[in-house]
Amino acid sequence: MDKLTEEAKALLEDLKPRSPSAAPGQNLLPPHTRSDVTGETFQTPVWKAGDGAPTVFVHGWDDTHRIWRRFAMDFIQKGRPALLMDLPAHGASTLETCNWQIAGQSISDVCAVHQPIDAIITHSFGSLAAAEAISSGTTCDYLVMIAPPLEPWTERQRRKGVPDAVIARAEELLADQGGRSPSPPDLQAALRNFEGRILIIGSRADESCPVAPMETLAAGLDRAEMLVVDDLDHRELALDAGILAQINTFLGY
């Protein structure tokens, strides 16, 4: 194998989730809250607390539902129904493959069983999956997208310093394998007919997901608002008490 192909294959390894497992003792909520939503082709593990229309919390790539330990627990402690899920090939999921299309189907399956849905709150890759679910008919009153990764995959790799030749070879290998493009969907098109309100949250300190594409997305959607902070990194955005307060205000709590 030549060096270029070696480097390209290594780059494609990043498209495989390395999510930590979620053994029973590692789950955020107790066992009696756990169930599995069965869709047409796979099951999605979920944890639900409270009665009524829930807020669905969707984690990002290489993560699990445990990222919501501050946000979801705040909802639960205040008596608001919350539903957490592990995306395909993440956490307690038994699937081995994930992309935003498969993850979107997972969210659609979960929301169909637990509808009506009050809000969907997402972090990073989960935002792409939620947009895919909404474009396929999932409904909710509010959508909160924290640090959605909107750059095309090729631009993201260039920004990380990957040579163009390696990127091009990786795309060739992916096409030969019949894989789907890792670039995000067109969120403006996916959310164009969404009738709920949207809040997009980004940080200028987030090196993973630049704010500018988020601002462009927000400006192109009629019911979208943009919140930008200066000092939180990618993961901190889903854990910060100030961000939680802003989300609560947006949701009318």
C-alpha atoms as a PDB file:
ATOM      1  CA  MET A   1       0.000   0.000   0.000  1.00  0.00           C
ATOM      2  CA  ASP A   2       1.417   3.393  -0.974  1.00  0.00           C
ATOM      3  CA  LYS A   3       1.826   6.156   1.606  1.00  0.00           C
ATOM      4  CA  LEU A   4      -0.958   8.310   0.135  1.00  0.00           C
ATOM      5  CA  THR A   5      -3.476   5.492   0.413  1.00  0.00           C
ATOM      6  CA  GLU A   6      -2.281   4.735   3.942  1.00  0.00           C
ATOM      7  CA  GLU A   7      -2.864   8.318   5.015  1.00  0.00           C
ATOM      8  CA  ALA A   8      -6.247   8.394   3.262  1.00  0.00           C
ATOM      9  CA  LYS A   9      -7.373   5.225   5.043  1.00  0.00           C
ATOM     10  CA  ALA A  10      -6.274   6.674   8.358  1.00  0.00           C
ATOM     11  CA  LEU A  11      -8.347   9.766   7.604  1.00  0.00           C
ATOM     12  CA  LEU A  12     -11.402   7.617   6.887  1.00  0.00           C
ATOM     13  CA  GLU A  13     -11.004   5.924  10.268  1.00  0.00           C
ATOM     14  CA  ASP A  14     -12.297   9.185  11.754  1.00  0.00           C
ATOM     15  CA  LEU A  15     -15.649   8.393  10.131  1.00  0.00           C
ATOM     16  CA  LYS A  16     -16.062   5.420  12.466  1.00  0.00           C
ATOM     17  CA  PRO A  17     -17.461   6.279  15.911  1.00  0.00           C
ATOM     18  CA  ARG A  18     -15.224   5.628  18.896  1.00  0.00           C
ATOM     19  CA  SER A  19     -17.933   6.324  21.424  1.00  0.00           C
ATOM     20  CA  PRO A  20     -17.365   5.066  24.959  1.00  0.00           C
ATOM     21  CA  SER A  21     -19.638   2.210  25.916  1.00  0.00           C
ATOM     22  CA  ALA A  22     -22.587   2.798  28.196  1.00  0.00           C
ATOM     23  CA  ALA A  23     -22.772  -0.182  30.517  1.00  0.00           C
ATOM     24  CA  PRO A  24     -25.757  -0.172  32.914  1.00  0.00           C
ATOM     25  CA  GLY A  25     -23.738   1.391  35.724  1.00  0.00           C
ATOM     26  CA  GLN A  26     -22.567   4.190  33.437  1.00  0.00           C
ATOM     27  CA  ASN A  27     -25.977   5.393  32.290  1.00  0.00           C
ATOM     28  CA  LEU A  28     -27.195   8.773  33.462  1.00  0.00           C
ATOM     29  CA  LEU A  29     -30.643   7.594  34.591  1.00  0.00           C
ATOM     30  CA  PRO A  30     -31.687   4.470  36.541  1.00  0.00           C
ATOM     31  CA  PRO A  31     -32.478   1.175  34.757  1.00  0.00           C
ATOM     32  CA  HIS A  32     -36.265   1.483  35.050  1.00  0.00           C
ATOM     33  CA  THR A  33     -36.195   4.552  32.766  1.00  0.00           C
ATOM     34  CA  ARG A  34     -34.509   2.597  29.958  1.00  0.00           C
ATOM     35  CA  SER A  35     -36.311   1.181  26.928  1.00  0.00           C
ATOM     36  CA  ASP A  36     -35.495   0.380  23.307  1.00  0.00           C
ATOM     37  CA  VAL A  37     -37.353   2.013  20.441  1.00  0.00           C
ATOM     38  CA  THR A  38     -37.689  -0.424  17.560  1.00  0.00           C
ATOM     39  CA  GLY A  39     -37.624   1.081  14.083  1.00  0.00           C
ATOM     40  CA  GLU A  40     -37.812  -0.645  10.719  1.00  0.00           C
ATOM     41  CA  THR A  41     -34.159  -1.682  10.695  1.00  0.00           C
ATOM     42  CA  PHE A  42     -32.643  -1.165  14.166  1.00  0.00           C
ATOM     43  CA  GLN A  43     -33.293  -0.321  17.815  1.00  0.00           C
ATOM     44  CA  THR A  44     -32.399   2.880  19.661  1.00  0.00           C
ATOM     45  CA  PRO A  45     -31.781   2.892  23.433  1.00  0.00           C
ATOM     46  CA  VAL A  46     -33.619   5.678  25.264  1.00  0.00           C
ATOM     47  CA  TRP A  47     -34.085   6.873  28.843  1.00  0.00           C
ATOM     48  CA  LYS A  48     -37.222   8.842  29.730  1.00  0.00           C
ATOM     49  CA  ALA A  49     -38.078  10.688  32.924  1.00  0.00           C
ATOM     50  CA  GLY A  50     -41.397  12.429  33.536  1.00  0.00           C
ATOM     51  CA  ASP A  51     -44.800  12.371  31.879  1.00  0.00           C
ATOM     52  CA  GLY A  52     -46.009  14.494  28.996  1.00  0.00           C
ATOM     53  CA  ALA A  53     -44.418  15.886  25.852  1.00  0.00           C
ATOM     54  CA  PRO A  54     -40.656  15.489  26.382  1.00  0.00           C
ATOM     55  CA  THR A  55     -37.608  17.436  25.405  1.00  0.00           C
ATOM     56  CA  VAL A  56     -35.382  15.068  23.421  1.00  0.00           C
ATOM     57  CA  PHE A  57     -31.640  15.437  24.021  1.00  0.00           C
ATOM     58  CA  VAL A  58     -29.367  14.316  21.171  1.00  0.00           C
ATOM     59  CA  HIS A  59     -25.603  13.992  21.681  1.00  0.00           C
ATOM     60  CA  GLY A  60     -22.830  14.420  19.125  1.00  0.00           C
ATOM     61  CA  TRP A  61     -20.212  12.232  17.435  1.00  0.00           C
ATOM     62  CA  ASP A  62     -18.076  10.002  19.664  1.00  0.00           C
ATOM     63  CA  ASP A  63     -20.278  10.807  22.643  1.00  0.00           C
ATOM     64  CA  THR A  64     -23.247   9.402  24.566  1.00  0.00           C
ATOM     65  CA  HIS A  65     -26.357  10.666  26.312  1.00  0.00           C
ATOM     66  CA  ARG A  66     -24.183  11.368  29.359  1.00  0.00           C
ATOM     67  CA  ILE A  67     -23.034  14.680  27.850  1.00  0.00           C
ATOM     68  CA  TRP A  68     -26.421  16.009  29.042  1.00  0.00           C
ATOM     69  CA  ARG A  69     -25.699  15.403  32.729  1.00  0.00           C
ATOM     70  CA  ARG A  70     -26.177  19.100  33.530  1.00  0.00           C
ATOM     71  CA  PHE A  71     -28.889  20.139  31.061  1.00  0.00           C
ATOM     72  CA  ALA A  72     -31.166  17.098  31.240  1.00  0.00           C
ATOM     73  CA  MET A  73     -30.827  16.735  34.993  1.00  0.00           C
ATOM     74  CA  ASP A  74     -31.853  20.370  35.388  1.00  0.00           C
ATOM     75  CA  PHE A  75     -35.001  19.629  33.374  1.00  0.00           C
ATOM     76  CA  ILE A  76     -35.773  16.516  35.403  1.00  0.00           C
ATOM     77  CA  GLN A  77     -35.189  18.199  38.770  1.00  0.00           C
ATOM     78  CA  LYS A  78     -37.643  20.913  37.748  1.00  0.00           C
ATOM     79  CA  GLY A  79     -40.311  18.392  36.719  1.00  0.00           C
ATOM     80  CA  ARG A  80     -39.948  18.770  32.962  1.00  0.00           C
ATOM     81  CA  PRO A  81     -40.142  15.507  30.993  1.00  0.00           C
ATOM     82  CA  ALA A  82     -36.829  14.614  29.353  1.00  0.00           C
ATOM     83  CA  LEU A  83     -35.850  11.878  26.942  1.00  0.00           C
ATOM     84  CA  LEU A  84     -32.226  10.939  26.336  1.00  0.00           C
ATOM     85  CA  MET A  85     -30.964   8.633  23.606  1.00  0.00           C
ATOM     86  CA  ASP A  86     -27.774   7.041  22.362  1.00  0.00           C
ATOM     87  CA  LEU A  87     -27.340   7.432  18.617  1.00  0.00           C
ATOM     88  CA  PRO A  88     -26.541   4.388  16.448  1.00  0.00           C
ATOM     89  CA  ALA A  89     -23.046   2.951  17.070  1.00  0.00           C
ATOM     90  CA  HIS A  90     -22.713   5.097  20.194  1.00  0.00           C
ATOM     91  CA  GLY A  91     -23.065   4.291  23.877  1.00  0.00           C
ATOM     92  CA  ALA A  92     -25.578   1.511  24.508  1.00  0.00           C
ATOM     93  CA  SER A  93     -26.480   1.120  20.827  1.00  0.00           C
ATOM     94  CA  THR A  94     -25.623  -2.267  19.324  1.00  0.00           C
ATOM     95  CA  LEU A  95     -25.299  -0.889  15.799  1.00  0.00           C
ATOM     96  CA  GLU A  96     -21.791  -0.662  14.332  1.00  0.00           C
ATOM     97  CA  THR A  97     -22.378   2.020  11.679  1.00  0.00           C
ATOM     98  CA  CYS A  98     -23.490   5.621  11.890  1.00  0.00           C
ATOM     99  CA  ASN A  99     -23.824   8.645   9.627  1.00  0.00           C
ATOM    100  CA  TRP A 100     -26.202  11.587   9.765  1.00  0.00           C
ATOM    101  CA  GLN A 101     -28.787   9.731   7.667  1.00  0.00           C
ATOM    102  CA  ILE A 102     -28.870   6.710   9.979  1.00  0.00           C
ATOM    103  CA  ALA A 103     -28.827   8.960  13.046  1.00  0.00           C
ATOM    104  CA  GLY A 104     -31.698  10.984  11.586  1.00  0.00           C
ATOM    105  CA  GLN A 105     -33.741   7.802  11.193  1.00  0.00           C
ATOM    106  CA  SER A 106     -33.002   6.965  14.816  1.00  0.00           C
ATOM    107  CA  ILE A 107     -34.389  10.328  15.966  1.00  0.00           C
ATOM    108  CA  SER A 108     -37.437   9.905  13.728  1.00  0.00           C
ATOM    109  CA  ASP A 109     -38.100   6.471  15.239  1.00  0.00           C
ATOM    110  CA  VAL A 110     -37.791   7.790  18.804  1.00  0.00           C
ATOM    111  CA  CYS A 111     -39.975  10.847  18.232  1.00  0.00           C
ATOM    112  CA  ALA A 112     -42.665   8.801  16.471  1.00  0.00           C
ATOM    113  CA  VAL A 113     -43.035   6.599  19.562  1.00  0.00           C
ATOM    114  CA  HIS A 114     -42.873   9.409  22.119  1.00  0.00           C
ATOM    115  CA  GLN A 115     -44.793  12.148  20.308  1.00  0.00           C
ATOM    116  CA  PRO A 116     -45.824  14.867  20.806  1.00  0.00           C
ATOM    117  CA  ILE A 117     -42.343  16.326  21.248  1.00  0.00           C
ATOM    118  CA  ASP A 118     -41.928  19.696  22.898  1.00  0.00           C
ATOM    119  CA  ALA A 119     -38.301  20.381  21.970  1.00  0.00           C
ATOM    120  CA  ILE A 120     -35.224  18.728  20.503  1.00  0.00           C
ATOM    121  CA  ILE A 121     -31.895  19.900  21.913  1.00  0.00           C
ATOM    122  CA  THR A 122     -28.801  18.780  20.025  1.00  0.00           C
ATOM    123  CA  HIS A 123     -25.040  19.030  20.271  1.00  0.00           C
ATOM    124  CA  SER A 124     -22.661  18.977  17.304  1.00  0.00           C
ATOM    125  CA  PHE A 125     -23.310  16.013  14.943  1.00  0.00           C
ATOM    126  CA  GLY A 126     -26.683  15.490  16.608  1.00  0.00           C
ATOM    127  CA  SER A 127     -27.831  18.718  14.957  1.00  0.00           C
ATOM    128  CA  LEU A 128     -27.350  17.217  11.496  1.00  0.00           C
ATOM    129  CA  ALA A 129     -29.294  14.120  12.518  1.00  0.00           C
ATOM    130  CA  ALA A 130     -32.152  16.204  13.942  1.00  0.00           C
ATOM    131  CA  ALA A 131     -32.371  18.289  10.769  1.00  0.00           C
ATOM    132  CA  GLU A 132     -32.558  15.091   8.735  1.00  0.00           C
ATOM    133  CA  ALA A 133     -35.351  13.792  10.992  1.00  0.00           C
ATOM    134  CA  ILE A 134     -37.292  17.048  10.688  1.00  0.00           C
ATOM    135  CA  SER A 135     -36.936  17.083   6.908  1.00  0.00           C
ATOM    136  CA  SER A 136     -38.424  13.566   6.950  1.00  0.00           C
ATOM    137  CA  GLY A 137     -41.487  14.653   8.931  1.00  0.00           C
ATOM    138  CA  THR A 138     -40.527  14.717  12.619  1.00  0.00           C
ATOM    139  CA  THR A 139     -42.227  17.611  14.401  1.00  0.00           C
ATOM    140  CA  CYS A 140     -41.553  19.579  17.571  1.00  0.00           C
ATOM    141  CA  ASP A 141     -42.190  23.095  18.815  1.00  0.00           C
ATOM    142  CA  TYR A 142     -38.552  24.052  19.398  1.00  0.00           C
ATOM    143  CA  LEU A 143     -35.200  23.009  17.977  1.00  0.00           C
ATOM    144  CA  VAL A 144     -31.968  23.998  19.723  1.00  0.00           C
ATOM    145  CA  MET A 145     -28.748  23.277  17.824  1.00  0.00           C
ATOM    146  CA  ILE A 146     -25.549  23.689  19.831  1.00  0.00           C
ATOM    147  CA  ALA A 147     -22.392  23.933  17.708  1.00  0.00           C
ATOM    148  CA  PRO A 148     -23.707  22.302  14.527  1.00  0.00           C
ATOM    149  CA  PRO A 149     -20.812  21.237  12.228  1.00  0.00           C
ATOM    150  CA  LEU A 150     -21.779  22.941   8.970  1.00  0.00           C
ATOM    151  CA  GLU A 151     -18.506  22.964   7.026  1.00  0.00           C
ATOM    152  CA  PRO A 152     -18.145  20.562   4.087  1.00  0.00           C
ATOM    153  CA  TRP A 153     -15.978  17.610   5.085  1.00  0.00           C
ATOM    154  CA  THR A 154     -13.233  18.585   2.652  1.00  0.00           C
ATOM    155  CA  GLU A 155     -13.002  22.125   4.046  1.00  0.00           C
ATOM    156  CA  ARG A 156     -12.935  20.790   7.582  1.00  0.00           C
ATOM    157  CA  GLN A 157      -9.999  18.524   6.749  1.00  0.00           C
ATOM    158  CA  ARG A 158      -8.107  21.344   5.001  1.00  0.00           C
ATOM    159  CA  ARG A 159      -8.595  23.553   8.051  1.00  0.00           C
ATOM    160  CA  LYS A 160      -7.051  20.765  10.120  1.00  0.00           C
ATOM    161  CA  GLY A 161      -4.025  20.749   7.810  1.00  0.00           C
ATOM    162  CA  VAL A 162      -4.730  17.587   5.803  1.00  0.00           C
ATOM    163  CA  PRO A 163      -3.158  17.792   2.300  1.00  0.00           C
ATOM    164  CA  ASP A 164      -5.528  17.995  -0.666  1.00  0.00           C
ATOM    165  CA  ALA A 165      -4.058  14.826  -2.189  1.00  0.00           C
ATOM    166  CA  VAL A 166      -4.909  12.830   0.936  1.00  0.00           C
ATOM    167  CA  ILE A 167      -8.446  14.250   1.001  1.00  0.00           C
ATOM    168  CA  ALA A 168      -8.985  13.404  -2.669  1.00  0.00           C
ATOM    169  CA  ARG A 169      -7.689   9.853  -2.209  1.00  0.00           C
ATOM    170  CA  ALA A 170      -9.919   9.368   0.827  1.00  0.00           C
ATOM    171  CA  GLU A 171     -12.933  10.457  -1.226  1.00  0.00           C
ATOM    172  CA  GLU A 172     -11.964   7.948  -3.924  1.00  0.00           C
ATOM    173  CA  LEU A 173     -11.693   5.138  -1.382  1.00  0.00           C
ATOM    174  CA  LEU A 174     -15.021   6.074   0.182  1.00  0.00           C
ATOM    175  CA  ALA A 175     -16.722   6.034  -3.236  1.00  0.00           C
ATOM    176  CA  ASP A 176     -15.164   2.645  -4.035  1.00  0.00           C
ATOM    177  CA  GLN A 177     -16.606   1.299  -0.763  1.00  0.00           C
ATOM    178  CA  GLY A 178     -20.055   2.646  -1.610  1.00  0.00           C
ATOM    179  CA  GLY A 179     -19.979   4.981   1.376  1.00  0.00           C
ATOM    180  CA  ARG A 180     -22.006   8.165   1.636  1.00  0.00           C
ATOM    181  CA  SER A 181     -20.452  11.600   1.649  1.00  0.00           C
ATOM    182  CA  PRO A 182     -19.451  12.656   5.175  1.00  0.00           C
ATOM    183  CA  SER A 183     -20.307  16.276   4.415  1.00  0.00           C
ATOM    184  CA  PRO A 184     -23.286  17.685   6.318  1.00  0.00           C
ATOM    185  CA  PRO A 185     -26.684  18.020   4.656  1.00  0.00           C
ATOM    186  CA  ASP A 186     -28.024  21.387   3.525  1.00  0.00           C
ATOM    187  CA  LEU A 187     -29.612  22.430   6.821  1.00  0.00           C
ATOM    188  CA  GLN A 188     -31.296  25.453   5.318  1.00  0.00           C
ATOM    189  CA  ALA A 189     -33.160  23.201   2.886  1.00  0.00           C
ATOM    190  CA  ALA A 190     -33.829  20.574   5.562  1.00  0.00           C
ATOM    191  CA  LEU A 191     -35.359  23.132   7.949  1.00  0.00           C
ATOM    192  CA  ARG A 192     -37.050  25.414   5.432  1.00  0.00           C
ATOM    193  CA  ASN A 193     -40.543  24.078   6.186  1.00  0.00           C
ATOM    194  CA  PHE A 194     -40.046  23.640   9.930  1.00  0.00           C
ATOM    195  CA  GLU A 195     -42.876  25.453  11.714  1.00  0.00           C
ATOM    196  CA  GLY A 196     -41.281  25.631  15.159  1.00  0.00           C
ATOM    197  CA  ARG A 197     -38.724  28.061  16.531  1.00  0.00           C
ATOM    198  CA  ILE A 198     -34.988  27.481  16.191  1.00  0.00           C
ATOM    199  CA  LEU A 199     -32.074  28.554  18.377  1.00  0.00           C
ATOM    200  CA  ILE A 200     -28.538  28.079  17.047  1.00  0.00           C
ATOM    201  CA  ILE A 201     -25.692  28.393  19.547  1.00  0.00           C
ATOM    202  CA  GLY A 202     -22.001  28.774  18.741  1.00  0.00           C
ATOM    203  CA  SER A 203     -18.782  30.034  20.262  1.00  0.00           C
ATOM    204  CA  ARG A 204     -15.896  31.967  18.787  1.00  0.00           C
ATOM    205  CA  ALA A 205     -13.601  29.823  20.926  1.00  0.00           C
ATOM    206  CA  ASP A 206     -14.886  26.594  19.344  1.00  0.00           C
ATOM    207  CA  GLU A 207     -12.107  25.393  17.037  1.00  0.00           C
ATOM    208  CA  SER A 208     -14.203  22.478  15.737  1.00  0.00           C
ATOM    209  CA  CYS A 209     -17.224  24.360  14.450  1.00  0.00           C
ATOM    210  CA  PRO A 210     -16.762  27.952  13.202  1.00  0.00           C
ATOM    211  CA  VAL A 211     -19.529  30.415  13.957  1.00  0.00           C
ATOM    212  CA  ALA A 212     -19.774  32.053  10.509  1.00  0.00           C
ATOM    213  CA  PRO A 213     -21.684  29.191   8.792  1.00  0.00           C
ATOM    214  CA  MET A 214     -24.090  29.102  11.733  1.00  0.00           C
ATOM    215  CA  GLU A 215     -24.783  32.818  11.380  1.00  0.00           C
ATOM    216  CA  THR A 216     -25.458  32.328   7.667  1.00  0.00           C
ATOM    217  CA  LEU A 217     -27.861  29.485   8.450  1.00  0.00           C
ATOM    218  CA  ALA A 218     -29.714  31.512  11.089  1.00  0.00           C
ATOM    219  CA  ALA A 219     -30.043  34.485   8.737  1.00  0.00           C
ATOM    220  CA  GLY A 220     -31.589  32.248   6.076  1.00  0.00           C
ATOM    221  CA  LEU A 221     -34.302  30.748   8.296  1.00  0.00           C
ATOM    222  CA  ASP A 222     -37.386  32.818   9.192  1.00  0.00           C
ATOM    223  CA  ARG A 223     -37.896  31.468  12.710  1.00  0.00           C
ATOM    224  CA  ALA A 224     -34.252  31.110  13.755  1.00  0.00           C
ATOM    225  CA  GLU A 225     -32.276  33.006  16.387  1.00  0.00           C
ATOM    226  CA  MET A 226     -28.506  33.010  16.828  1.00  0.00           C
ATOM    227  CA  LEU A 227     -26.620  33.074  20.114  1.00  0.00           C
ATOM    228  CA  VAL A 228     -22.833  33.564  20.001  1.00  0.00           C
ATOM    229  CA  VAL A 229     -20.521  33.440  23.003  1.00  0.00           C
ATOM    230  CA  ASP A 230     -16.794  34.134  23.116  1.00  0.00           C
ATOM    231  CA  ASP A 231     -15.147  31.814  25.587  1.00  0.00           C
ATOM    232  CA  LEU A 232     -16.558  28.270  25.526  1.00  0.00           C
ATOM    233  CA  ASP A 233     -15.012  25.363  23.643  1.00  0.00           C
ATOM    234  CA  HIS A 234     -16.959  22.771  21.679  1.00  0.00           C
ATOM    235  CA  ARG A 235     -17.812  20.485  24.575  1.00  0.00           C
ATOM    236  CA  GLU A 236     -18.276  23.197  27.174  1.00  0.00           C
ATOM    237  CA  LEU A 237     -21.189  24.571  25.144  1.00  0.00           C
ATOM    238  CA  ALA A 238     -23.243  21.511  26.132  1.00  0.00           C
ATOM    239  CA  LEU A 239     -22.296  21.766  29.808  1.00  0.00           C
ATOM    240  CA  ASP A 240     -22.307  25.464  30.645  1.00  0.00           C
ATOM    241  CA  ALA A 241     -24.842  26.848  33.131  1.00  0.00           C
ATOM    242  CA  GLY A 242     -25.081  30.133  31.230  1.00  0.00           C
ATOM    243  CA  ILE A 243     -25.981  28.353  27.990  1.00  0.00           C
ATOM    244  CA  LEU A 244     -28.580  26.314  29.875  1.00  0.00           C
ATOM    245  CA  ALA A 245     -30.108  29.544  31.215  1.00  0.00           C
ATOM    246  CA  GLN A 246     -30.307  30.970  27.685  1.00  0.00           C
ATOM    247  CA  ILE A 247     -31.992  27.802  26.433  1.00  0.00           C
ATOM    248  CA  ASN A 248     -34.504  27.892  29.283  1.00  0.00           C
ATOM    249  CA  THR A 249     -35.355  31.486  28.382  1.00  0.00           C
ATOM    250  CA  PHE A 250     -35.769  30.542  24.715  1.00  0.00           C
ATOM    251  CA  LEU A 251     -38.120  27.693  25.680  1.00  0.00           C
ATOM    252  CA  GLY A 252     -40.141  30.018  27.895  1.00  0.00           C
ATOM    253  CA  TYR A 253     -39.174  28.465  31.235  1.00  0.00           C
END
